[in-house]
């Protein structure tokens, strides 16, 4: 008997679509806007850019205040708890969840989810996470720690992320988190240039559990060089075999390979390692 897919469409929790679905089955957005002002940000394009792409951070209008947002989040978690224990919750697609303005609500929500046995993934460009993460662990059971995965977006291009913490500081934070028993992951997306992205993977390989790797959206097809892409795939393959981390190649990589290379050969290359995983790979098992 086929199981019906559960689609969430709450104020706090929802089921992502498109490229966002490659990051999580369930997302949580409390805020809109991000001060990092990254030059490649996909939220700066399209009809919602004035809301989602702004540099000022504001609570979503559906919430009266932060207390209301947390109340709604808890209610939606309890309503869908069995589903969420399987999928986990991802923070956040519409802002950086670890900004000074956003982190306290993120951490309170994450703490509640962990206490309910719901896995949590947090993706950020902020380097303050090791200290902040301790806040939510002080009053929960030690065995819940493996249910919290913290990830960093790593492009290696500080020049295109003018108001975010430097990539090197994010990598140092990841190292400290891993040493304290957290699950870790990295978003190697967008790839601005292959050398910078590989350098980020190489520098964080020993303390990153999972890399999600994808190309830049909204650029012309000739933005990338096919030979450089092939070389990059080969280098990542060799490194993951050596270090044992997992790699998820996003759809944008597969699409580029199929369009610009000897698709059969490179599609096999994108599937050749036991360390290559699918979209729904469970980081918590």
Protein backbone atom coordinates (compact mmCIF):
# COMPACT_ATOMS: atom_id res chain seq x y z
CA UNK A 1 0.00 0.00 0.00
CA UNK A 2 1.44 3.36 -1.05
CA UNK A 3 1.99 5.86 1.77
CA UNK A 4 0.55 9.31 1.14
CA UNK A 5 3.16 12.06 1.21
CA UNK A 6 2.70 14.49 4.08
CA UNK A 7 2.78 18.14 2.99
CA UNK A 8 3.14 20.78 5.69
CA UNK A 9 1.97 24.34 5.11
CA UNK A 10 2.03 25.93 8.54
CA UNK A 11 3.08 29.38 9.69
CA UNK A 12 6.41 28.08 10.98
CA UNK A 13 6.86 24.62 9.45
CA UNK A 14 6.43 23.79 5.77
CA UNK A 15 7.45 21.37 3.05
CA UNK A 16 10.05 22.99 0.74
CA UNK A 17 9.86 22.70 -3.04
CA UNK A 18 12.39 22.71 -5.87
CA UNK A 19 16.06 23.16 -5.02
CA UNK A 20 15.23 23.84 -1.36
CA UNK A 21 13.81 20.33 -1.06
CA UNK A 22 17.34 19.04 -1.70
CA UNK A 23 18.29 20.44 1.70
CA UNK A 24 15.39 19.33 3.84
CA UNK A 25 12.00 17.65 3.89
CA UNK A 26 10.72 20.20 6.41
CA UNK A 27 11.87 23.79 6.83
CA UNK A 28 11.25 26.45 9.46
CA UNK A 29 11.30 30.16 8.66
CA UNK A 30 10.68 32.74 11.40
CA UNK A 31 12.31 35.75 9.73
CA UNK A 32 12.81 37.37 6.34
CA UNK A 33 15.90 39.27 5.24
CA UNK A 34 19.64 38.83 5.73
CA UNK A 35 22.40 41.42 6.30
CA UNK A 36 25.19 39.33 4.72
CA UNK A 37 24.30 40.92 1.35
CA UNK A 38 25.94 38.11 -0.64
CA UNK A 39 26.34 39.05 -4.30
CA UNK A 40 25.06 35.68 -5.52
CA UNK A 41 22.00 35.42 -3.22
CA UNK A 42 19.07 33.76 -4.98
CA UNK A 43 16.61 35.61 -2.72
CA UNK A 44 17.58 38.90 -4.37
CA UNK A 45 15.94 37.79 -7.61
CA UNK A 46 12.31 37.38 -8.57
CA UNK A 47 8.98 38.81 -7.48
CA UNK A 48 9.61 38.25 -3.76
CA UNK A 49 13.03 39.92 -3.70
CA UNK A 50 11.77 43.00 -1.85
CA UNK A 51 10.58 40.77 0.99
CA UNK A 52 13.05 37.89 1.06
CA UNK A 53 16.07 39.63 -0.45
CA UNK A 54 16.21 42.68 1.80
CA UNK A 55 19.18 43.26 4.12
CA UNK A 56 17.01 44.26 7.08
CA UNK A 57 15.83 41.31 9.19
CA UNK A 58 12.21 41.23 10.33
CA UNK A 59 9.90 38.69 11.90
CA UNK A 60 7.41 37.24 9.43
CA UNK A 61 4.13 39.16 9.49
CA UNK A 62 2.12 36.05 10.36
CA UNK A 63 3.60 36.18 13.89
CA UNK A 64 2.60 38.81 16.45
CA UNK A 65 6.02 38.63 18.14
CA UNK A 66 8.78 36.13 18.98
CA UNK A 67 6.73 34.57 21.79
CA UNK A 68 3.87 33.96 19.39
CA UNK A 69 6.27 32.48 16.83
CA UNK A 70 7.63 30.03 19.40
CA UNK A 71 4.11 29.11 20.54
CA UNK A 72 3.06 28.41 16.95
CA UNK A 73 6.24 26.38 16.34
CA UNK A 74 5.63 24.21 19.40
CA UNK A 75 2.01 23.62 18.43
CA UNK A 76 2.97 22.61 14.88
CA UNK A 77 5.74 20.31 16.18
CA UNK A 78 3.33 18.53 18.51
CA UNK A 79 0.75 18.19 15.75
CA UNK A 80 3.22 16.52 13.35
CA UNK A 81 5.65 14.97 15.82
CA UNK A 82 5.76 11.47 14.31
CA UNK A 83 6.49 12.89 10.84
CA UNK A 84 9.09 15.33 12.16
CA UNK A 85 10.96 12.65 14.08
CA UNK A 86 11.57 11.02 10.71
CA UNK A 87 12.33 14.13 8.65
CA UNK A 88 13.88 16.57 11.09
CA UNK A 89 13.59 20.36 10.80
CA UNK A 90 15.89 22.69 8.83
CA UNK A 91 16.62 26.31 9.85
CA UNK A 92 16.31 28.38 7.61
CA UNK A 93 15.68 29.24 3.98
CA UNK A 94 14.72 32.91 4.36
CA UNK A 95 17.50 34.28 6.59
CA UNK A 96 20.60 33.23 8.51
CA UNK A 97 19.19 31.58 11.65
CA UNK A 98 22.28 32.37 13.77
CA UNK A 99 22.36 36.15 13.41
CA UNK A 100 22.32 38.17 16.62
CA UNK A 101 18.68 39.07 15.87
CA UNK A 102 17.55 35.57 14.92
CA UNK A 103 19.60 33.14 17.00
CA UNK A 104 17.69 33.21 20.30
CA UNK A 105 14.38 32.23 18.71
CA UNK A 106 16.18 29.64 16.57
CA UNK A 107 17.85 28.13 19.64
CA UNK A 108 14.68 28.07 21.73
CA UNK A 109 12.83 26.33 18.90
CA UNK A 110 15.70 23.91 18.36
CA UNK A 111 15.82 23.10 22.08
CA UNK A 112 12.13 22.25 22.10
CA UNK A 113 12.45 20.09 19.00
CA UNK A 114 15.40 18.17 20.47
CA UNK A 115 13.51 17.57 23.69
CA UNK A 116 10.75 16.05 21.55
CA UNK A 117 13.23 13.76 19.81
CA UNK A 118 13.06 15.74 16.56
CA UNK A 119 16.38 16.10 14.69
CA UNK A 120 17.47 19.65 13.88
CA UNK A 121 19.72 21.04 11.15
CA UNK A 122 20.96 24.64 11.27
CA UNK A 123 22.76 26.22 8.29
CA UNK A 124 24.63 29.47 8.81
CA UNK A 125 27.47 31.78 7.77
CA UNK A 126 28.02 32.93 11.35
CA UNK A 127 31.05 31.78 13.29
CA UNK A 128 29.52 32.26 16.75
CA UNK A 129 27.77 28.89 16.72
CA UNK A 130 29.93 26.84 19.15
CA UNK A 131 29.15 29.22 22.00
CA UNK A 132 25.51 29.59 21.01
CA UNK A 133 24.97 25.85 20.63
CA UNK A 134 25.99 25.30 24.25
CA UNK A 135 22.99 27.36 25.31
CA UNK A 136 20.55 24.78 24.02
CA UNK A 137 22.51 21.84 25.38
CA UNK A 138 22.85 23.01 28.97
CA UNK A 139 19.40 21.81 29.98
CA UNK A 140 18.75 18.82 27.72
CA UNK A 141 19.92 15.23 27.97
CA UNK A 142 23.42 14.52 26.64
CA UNK A 143 22.07 11.77 24.36
CA UNK A 144 20.14 14.41 22.37
CA UNK A 145 23.37 15.98 21.09
CA UNK A 146 23.61 13.64 18.06
CA UNK A 147 20.20 14.96 16.95
CA UNK A 148 21.64 18.41 16.28
CA UNK A 149 23.59 19.00 13.05
CA UNK A 150 25.15 22.37 12.36
CA UNK A 151 26.24 23.32 8.88
CA UNK A 152 28.11 26.19 7.26
CA UNK A 153 27.85 27.62 3.78
CA UNK A 154 31.39 27.58 2.38
CA UNK A 155 32.22 29.23 -0.93
CA UNK A 156 35.80 30.32 -0.26
CA UNK A 157 34.89 33.73 -1.63
CA UNK A 158 34.74 36.27 1.17
CA UNK A 159 34.74 39.00 -1.47
CA UNK A 160 31.22 37.95 -2.52
CA UNK A 161 29.93 37.73 1.07
CA UNK A 162 30.86 41.22 2.30
CA UNK A 163 29.08 41.21 5.67
CA UNK A 164 29.32 37.53 6.63
CA UNK A 165 31.98 36.02 8.86
CA UNK A 166 35.06 34.88 6.88
CA UNK A 167 35.00 31.33 5.51
CA UNK A 168 38.09 30.45 7.56
CA UNK A 169 36.30 31.35 10.79
CA UNK A 170 33.29 29.21 9.81
CA UNK A 171 35.59 26.24 9.20
CA UNK A 172 37.23 26.77 12.60
CA UNK A 173 33.78 26.77 14.21
CA UNK A 174 32.89 23.54 12.43
CA UNK A 175 36.06 21.93 13.76
CA UNK A 176 35.22 22.90 17.34
CA UNK A 177 31.65 21.66 17.00
CA UNK A 178 32.82 18.31 15.68
CA UNK A 179 35.25 17.97 18.57
CA UNK A 180 32.30 18.42 20.96
CA UNK A 181 30.19 15.69 19.40
CA UNK A 182 27.93 17.58 17.01
CA UNK A 183 27.00 16.33 13.56
CA UNK A 184 28.34 18.72 10.91
CA UNK A 185 27.63 19.48 7.29
CA UNK A 186 28.60 22.03 4.67
CA UNK A 187 26.77 23.65 1.81
CA UNK A 188 29.29 24.03 -1.01
CA UNK A 189 26.79 26.10 -2.91
CA UNK A 190 26.97 28.09 -4.92
CA UNK A 191 30.26 27.11 -6.52
CA UNK A 192 31.66 30.49 -7.56
CA UNK A 193 34.79 28.88 -8.92
CA UNK A 194 35.87 25.25 -8.62
CA UNK A 195 39.27 25.93 -7.04
CA UNK A 196 37.81 27.97 -4.19
CA UNK A 197 35.13 25.38 -3.51
CA UNK A 198 37.59 22.49 -3.50
CA UNK A 199 39.81 24.41 -1.10
CA UNK A 200 36.87 24.69 1.32
CA UNK A 201 36.18 20.95 1.09
CA UNK A 202 39.84 20.12 1.57
CA UNK A 203 40.19 22.37 4.62
CA UNK A 204 37.09 20.99 6.36
CA UNK A 205 37.24 17.35 5.20
CA UNK A 206 38.39 15.88 8.51
CA UNK A 207 35.51 17.29 10.56
CA UNK A 208 32.57 17.54 8.14
CA UNK A 209 30.15 14.61 7.93
CA UNK A 210 28.33 15.66 4.76
CA UNK A 211 28.95 18.04 1.86
CA UNK A 212 26.07 19.21 -0.33
CA UNK A 213 27.55 20.55 -3.56
CA UNK A 214 25.73 22.67 -6.14
CA UNK A 215 26.29 25.21 -8.91
CA UNK A 216 25.35 28.86 -9.01
CA UNK A 217 21.84 29.60 -10.27
CA UNK A 218 20.89 32.33 -12.69
CA UNK A 219 24.19 32.35 -14.62
CA UNK A 220 24.76 31.62 -18.31
CA UNK A 221 25.71 28.10 -19.33
CA UNK A 222 29.24 29.17 -20.28
CA UNK A 223 29.90 30.56 -16.78
CA UNK A 224 31.50 27.18 -15.95
CA UNK A 225 34.14 25.26 -17.86
CA UNK A 226 33.33 21.58 -18.44
CA UNK A 227 36.94 20.42 -18.05
CA UNK A 228 37.27 22.26 -14.76
CA UNK A 229 34.03 20.71 -13.58
CA UNK A 230 35.26 17.22 -14.49
CA UNK A 231 38.56 17.82 -12.68
CA UNK A 232 36.67 19.10 -9.61
CA UNK A 233 34.43 16.00 -9.51
CA UNK A 234 37.49 13.77 -9.69
CA UNK A 235 39.30 15.62 -6.91
CA UNK A 236 36.26 15.49 -4.62
CA UNK A 237 35.82 11.78 -5.34
CA UNK A 238 39.42 11.03 -4.40
CA UNK A 239 39.27 13.12 -1.23
CA UNK A 240 36.01 11.62 0.04
CA UNK A 241 37.40 8.12 -0.50
CA UNK A 242 40.43 9.10 1.58
CA UNK A 243 38.63 10.93 4.40
CA UNK A 244 35.31 9.07 4.47
CA UNK A 245 32.89 12.02 4.39
CA UNK A 246 29.60 11.84 2.49
CA UNK A 247 28.78 13.86 -0.63
CA UNK A 248 25.42 14.79 -2.10
CA UNK A 249 25.74 16.13 -5.64
CA UNK A 250 22.85 18.50 -6.19
CA UNK A 251 20.60 18.42 -9.22
CA UNK A 252 22.36 21.47 -10.68
CA UNK A 253 25.58 19.43 -10.98
CA UNK A 254 23.81 16.50 -12.63
CA UNK A 255 22.02 18.84 -15.06
CA UNK A 256 25.29 20.51 -16.04
CA UNK A 257 27.01 17.17 -16.56
CA UNK A 258 24.21 15.85 -18.74
CA UNK A 259 24.16 18.99 -20.85
CA UNK A 260 27.87 19.66 -21.25
CA UNK A 261 29.80 16.43 -20.89
CA UNK A 262 29.89 12.83 -21.97
CA UNK A 263 26.84 12.23 -19.80
CA UNK A 264 27.13 8.48 -19.44
CA UNK A 265 30.70 8.64 -18.18
CA UNK A 266 30.20 11.49 -15.78
CA UNK A 267 26.84 10.33 -14.49
CA UNK A 268 28.65 7.14 -13.54
CA UNK A 269 31.36 9.26 -11.91
CA UNK A 270 28.69 11.05 -9.85
CA UNK A 271 27.47 7.68 -8.57
CA UNK A 272 30.72 5.74 -8.35
CA UNK A 273 31.50 6.07 -4.64
CA UNK A 274 29.81 4.45 -1.67
CA UNK A 275 30.30 7.82 0.01
CA UNK A 276 27.99 9.53 -2.49
CA UNK A 277 24.47 9.75 -1.04
CA UNK A 278 20.98 10.71 -2.14
CA UNK A 279 18.82 13.71 -1.34
CA UNK A 280 17.18 12.09 1.68
CA UNK A 281 20.37 10.78 3.28
CA UNK A 282 19.87 10.66 7.05
CA UNK A 283 22.68 12.57 8.71
CA UNK A 284 21.54 11.36 12.13
CA UNK A 285 21.85 7.60 11.72
